[in-house]
């Protein structure tokens, strides 16, 4: 049921209740029921409106799919990669640097390296190596990206609780086993904000 369907049904209930409460020969009990319907309808309408306003309830977009009314978190943070540049050759320890508009925390932020051949695999890079400068509105991650293929994609993203749990588990498994198999599918709350393709050096 869409947002408009809910509102339409609430309007019908309100109209019916208002007609019922205004009928002169309706018994007091019937009028009480009509008044109750009005109160409940108003309560539901206000709840749906609040949910719609804050993104809890979704309305269909032009394509007919559910779309949140909240802003994209990438638009809120405006995370961008400034260095390295697209197509740059890198090797060994590398510094990835970028900017943001509104301050993210290390828990909101995740850097990934992704293979450029399908099926795609993602390797999250430890947030512990992330440095955020709130005065300059810059971020920097330094470490070995582990790129060995002809080219790979560096992705900076905003993550939610599910994405954080996934990446933390990846790090935990790697710590105890020494193995870091790529993640084949990311959680929906991992939102890509910017990406660049880099080439490994000799």
Protein backbone atom coordinates (compact mmCIF):
# COMPACT_ATOMS: atom_id res chain seq x y z
CA UNK A 1 0.00 0.00 0.00
CA UNK A 2 1.42 3.36 -1.01
CA UNK A 3 1.33 6.64 0.85
CA UNK A 4 -1.45 7.96 -1.42
CA UNK A 5 -3.54 4.80 -0.84
CA UNK A 6 -3.35 5.28 2.92
CA UNK A 7 -4.36 8.93 2.67
CA UNK A 8 -7.24 8.10 0.31
CA UNK A 9 -8.66 5.48 2.69
CA UNK A 10 -8.32 7.85 5.64
CA UNK A 11 -10.23 10.54 3.71
CA UNK A 12 -13.01 8.05 2.92
CA UNK A 13 -13.25 7.06 6.60
CA UNK A 14 -13.36 10.70 7.66
CA UNK A 15 -16.09 11.56 5.14
CA UNK A 16 -18.19 8.60 6.21
CA UNK A 17 -17.75 9.43 9.89
CA UNK A 18 -18.58 13.11 9.37
CA UNK A 19 -21.75 12.20 7.48
CA UNK A 20 -22.69 9.74 10.20
CA UNK A 21 -22.14 12.14 13.06
CA UNK A 22 -24.23 14.83 11.35
CA UNK A 23 -27.30 12.63 10.79
CA UNK A 24 -30.01 13.91 13.20
CA UNK A 25 -31.73 10.58 13.92
CA UNK A 26 -28.48 8.65 14.56
CA UNK A 27 -28.37 7.27 18.10
CA UNK A 28 -25.81 8.57 20.58
CA UNK A 29 -23.92 5.30 20.39
CA UNK A 30 -23.59 5.64 16.61
CA UNK A 31 -22.37 9.21 16.95
CA UNK A 32 -19.77 8.08 19.46
CA UNK A 33 -18.53 5.48 16.97
CA UNK A 34 -18.36 8.14 14.26
CA UNK A 35 -16.43 10.46 16.56
CA UNK A 36 -14.05 7.62 17.40
CA UNK A 37 -13.47 6.95 13.69
CA UNK A 38 -12.64 10.63 13.16
CA UNK A 39 -10.16 10.62 16.05
CA UNK A 40 -8.48 7.40 14.88
CA UNK A 41 -8.32 8.63 11.28
CA UNK A 42 -6.69 11.87 12.36
CA UNK A 43 -4.20 9.91 14.48
CA UNK A 44 -3.31 7.62 11.58
CA UNK A 45 -3.07 10.54 9.17
CA UNK A 46 -0.70 12.42 11.46
CA UNK A 47 1.40 9.29 12.01
CA UNK A 48 1.67 8.63 8.27
CA UNK A 49 2.56 12.26 7.64
CA UNK A 50 5.31 12.17 10.26
CA UNK A 51 6.65 8.94 8.81
CA UNK A 52 6.56 10.34 5.30
CA UNK A 53 8.22 13.56 6.40
CA UNK A 54 11.11 11.79 8.12
CA UNK A 55 11.58 8.98 5.63
CA UNK A 56 9.99 6.19 7.66
CA UNK A 57 7.19 5.85 5.11
CA UNK A 58 8.19 5.95 1.45
CA UNK A 59 6.27 7.26 -1.54
CA UNK A 60 6.70 5.91 -5.07
CA UNK A 61 8.95 7.85 -7.42
CA UNK A 62 8.34 8.26 -11.14
CA UNK A 63 9.71 4.80 -11.81
CA UNK A 64 7.28 3.21 -9.35
CA UNK A 65 10.01 2.13 -6.91
CA UNK A 66 10.21 3.07 -3.25
CA UNK A 67 12.29 6.18 -2.66
CA UNK A 68 13.26 7.71 0.67
CA UNK A 69 12.37 11.35 1.20
CA UNK A 70 15.57 11.82 3.18
CA UNK A 71 18.59 13.27 1.43
CA UNK A 72 21.25 10.93 0.17
CA UNK A 73 23.92 10.71 2.93
CA UNK A 74 26.56 11.37 0.28
CA UNK A 75 24.90 14.71 -0.41
CA UNK A 76 24.98 15.44 3.32
CA UNK A 77 28.66 14.60 3.78
CA UNK A 78 29.80 15.40 0.19
CA UNK A 79 32.66 12.89 0.42
CA UNK A 80 35.10 13.16 -2.47
CA UNK A 81 38.44 11.63 -3.45
CA UNK A 82 41.10 14.16 -4.48
CA UNK A 83 44.20 11.97 -4.60
CA UNK A 84 45.27 9.74 -6.29
CA UNK A 85 43.88 10.90 -9.61
CA UNK A 86 41.88 8.77 -12.03
CA UNK A 87 44.17 6.28 -13.81
CA UNK A 88 47.18 7.02 -11.59
CA UNK A 89 49.80 4.31 -11.05
CA UNK A 90 50.32 3.38 -7.40
CA UNK A 91 52.42 0.85 -5.51
CA UNK A 92 53.12 -0.11 -1.90
CA UNK A 93 51.91 2.18 0.86
CA UNK A 94 49.52 4.75 -0.56
CA UNK A 95 47.78 7.82 0.82
CA UNK A 96 44.17 8.31 -0.26
CA UNK A 97 43.03 11.87 0.40
CA UNK A 98 39.78 13.70 -0.03
CA UNK A 99 37.37 16.29 1.29
CA UNK A 100 33.95 16.49 2.93
CA UNK A 101 31.39 19.22 3.50
CA UNK A 102 29.74 18.12 6.75
CA UNK A 103 31.77 16.25 9.31
CA UNK A 104 31.58 12.47 9.13
CA UNK A 105 32.95 10.26 11.87
CA UNK A 106 35.23 7.31 11.28
CA UNK A 107 32.23 5.06 11.94
CA UNK A 108 30.26 6.68 9.10
CA UNK A 109 33.10 6.31 6.63
CA UNK A 110 34.43 3.31 4.71
CA UNK A 111 37.04 2.93 2.01
CA UNK A 112 36.87 -0.07 -0.33
CA UNK A 113 39.06 -1.52 -3.02
CA UNK A 114 37.02 -3.30 -5.71
CA UNK A 115 38.15 -5.55 -8.52
CA UNK A 116 37.36 -4.34 -12.02
CA UNK A 117 36.58 -7.80 -13.33
CA UNK A 118 33.28 -9.55 -12.64
CA UNK A 119 32.17 -10.99 -10.34
CA UNK A 120 33.13 -7.92 -8.35
CA UNK A 121 34.80 -8.37 -4.98
CA UNK A 122 35.25 -5.68 -2.33
CA UNK A 123 37.96 -5.31 0.29
CA UNK A 124 37.19 -2.82 3.08
CA UNK A 125 40.16 -0.88 4.38
CA UNK A 126 40.57 -0.43 8.12
CA UNK A 127 38.92 2.68 9.54
CA UNK A 128 41.59 2.76 12.23
CA UNK A 129 44.00 4.23 9.64
CA UNK A 130 41.65 7.10 8.79
CA UNK A 131 42.57 10.66 9.79
CA UNK A 132 39.86 13.35 9.70
CA UNK A 133 40.81 17.05 9.87
CA UNK A 134 37.67 18.93 10.94
CA UNK A 135 39.25 22.36 10.40
CA UNK A 136 40.35 21.77 6.82
CA UNK A 137 37.44 19.41 6.10
CA UNK A 138 39.78 16.78 4.72
CA UNK A 139 40.23 13.06 5.28
CA UNK A 140 43.22 10.82 4.66
CA UNK A 141 43.76 7.07 4.70
CA UNK A 142 47.27 5.62 4.44
CA UNK A 143 48.14 1.98 3.96
CA UNK A 144 48.78 -0.80 1.48
CA UNK A 145 45.78 -1.19 -0.81
CA UNK A 146 46.88 -4.68 -1.84
CA UNK A 147 46.18 -4.06 -5.53
CA UNK A 148 47.70 -6.74 -7.77
CA UNK A 149 45.42 -6.73 -10.83
CA UNK A 150 45.73 -4.59 -13.95
CA UNK A 151 43.42 -2.01 -12.43
CA UNK A 152 41.16 -1.65 -9.40
CA UNK A 153 38.60 0.83 -8.17
CA UNK A 154 38.91 2.78 -4.94
CA UNK A 155 35.50 3.63 -3.47
CA UNK A 156 34.72 6.00 -0.61
CA UNK A 157 31.35 5.37 0.98
CA UNK A 158 29.02 6.17 3.85
CA UNK A 159 27.95 3.12 5.85
CA UNK A 160 25.20 2.25 8.31
CA UNK A 161 24.97 -0.31 11.10
CA UNK A 162 24.67 -3.35 8.83
CA UNK A 163 27.60 -2.25 6.68
CA UNK A 164 29.67 -1.54 9.77
CA UNK A 165 28.95 -5.01 11.14
CA UNK A 166 29.93 -6.58 7.81
CA UNK A 167 33.23 -4.73 7.50
CA UNK A 168 34.11 -5.27 11.18
CA UNK A 169 33.47 -9.01 10.73
CA UNK A 170 35.70 -9.01 7.64
CA UNK A 171 38.54 -7.49 9.67
CA UNK A 172 37.97 -9.89 12.56
CA UNK A 173 38.06 -12.97 10.30
CA UNK A 174 41.22 -11.73 8.61
CA UNK A 175 42.89 -11.06 11.95
CA UNK A 176 42.28 -14.59 13.25
CA UNK A 177 42.80 -16.54 10.02
CA UNK A 178 45.24 -14.42 8.06
CA UNK A 179 42.87 -14.71 5.08
CA UNK A 180 40.94 -11.82 3.56
CA UNK A 181 38.52 -13.17 0.96
CA UNK A 182 36.74 -10.45 -1.00
CA UNK A 183 33.16 -9.52 -0.13
CA UNK A 184 30.91 -10.33 -3.08
CA UNK A 185 27.85 -8.31 -2.05
CA UNK A 186 27.60 -5.19 0.09
CA UNK A 187 24.72 -4.31 2.40
CA UNK A 188 22.15 -1.75 1.16
CA UNK A 189 23.27 0.83 3.75
CA UNK A 190 26.74 1.06 2.19
CA UNK A 191 26.30 4.09 -0.08
CA UNK A 192 29.02 4.86 -2.61
CA UNK A 193 29.94 8.56 -2.73
CA UNK A 194 32.96 8.70 -5.02
CA UNK A 195 35.31 6.39 -6.90
CA UNK A 196 38.51 6.38 -8.93
CA UNK A 197 40.32 3.70 -10.94
CA UNK A 198 44.01 3.14 -10.20
CA UNK A 199 46.70 0.97 -11.79
CA UNK A 200 49.26 -1.01 -9.77
CA UNK A 201 52.93 -0.22 -10.36
CA UNK A 202 55.72 -2.76 -10.64
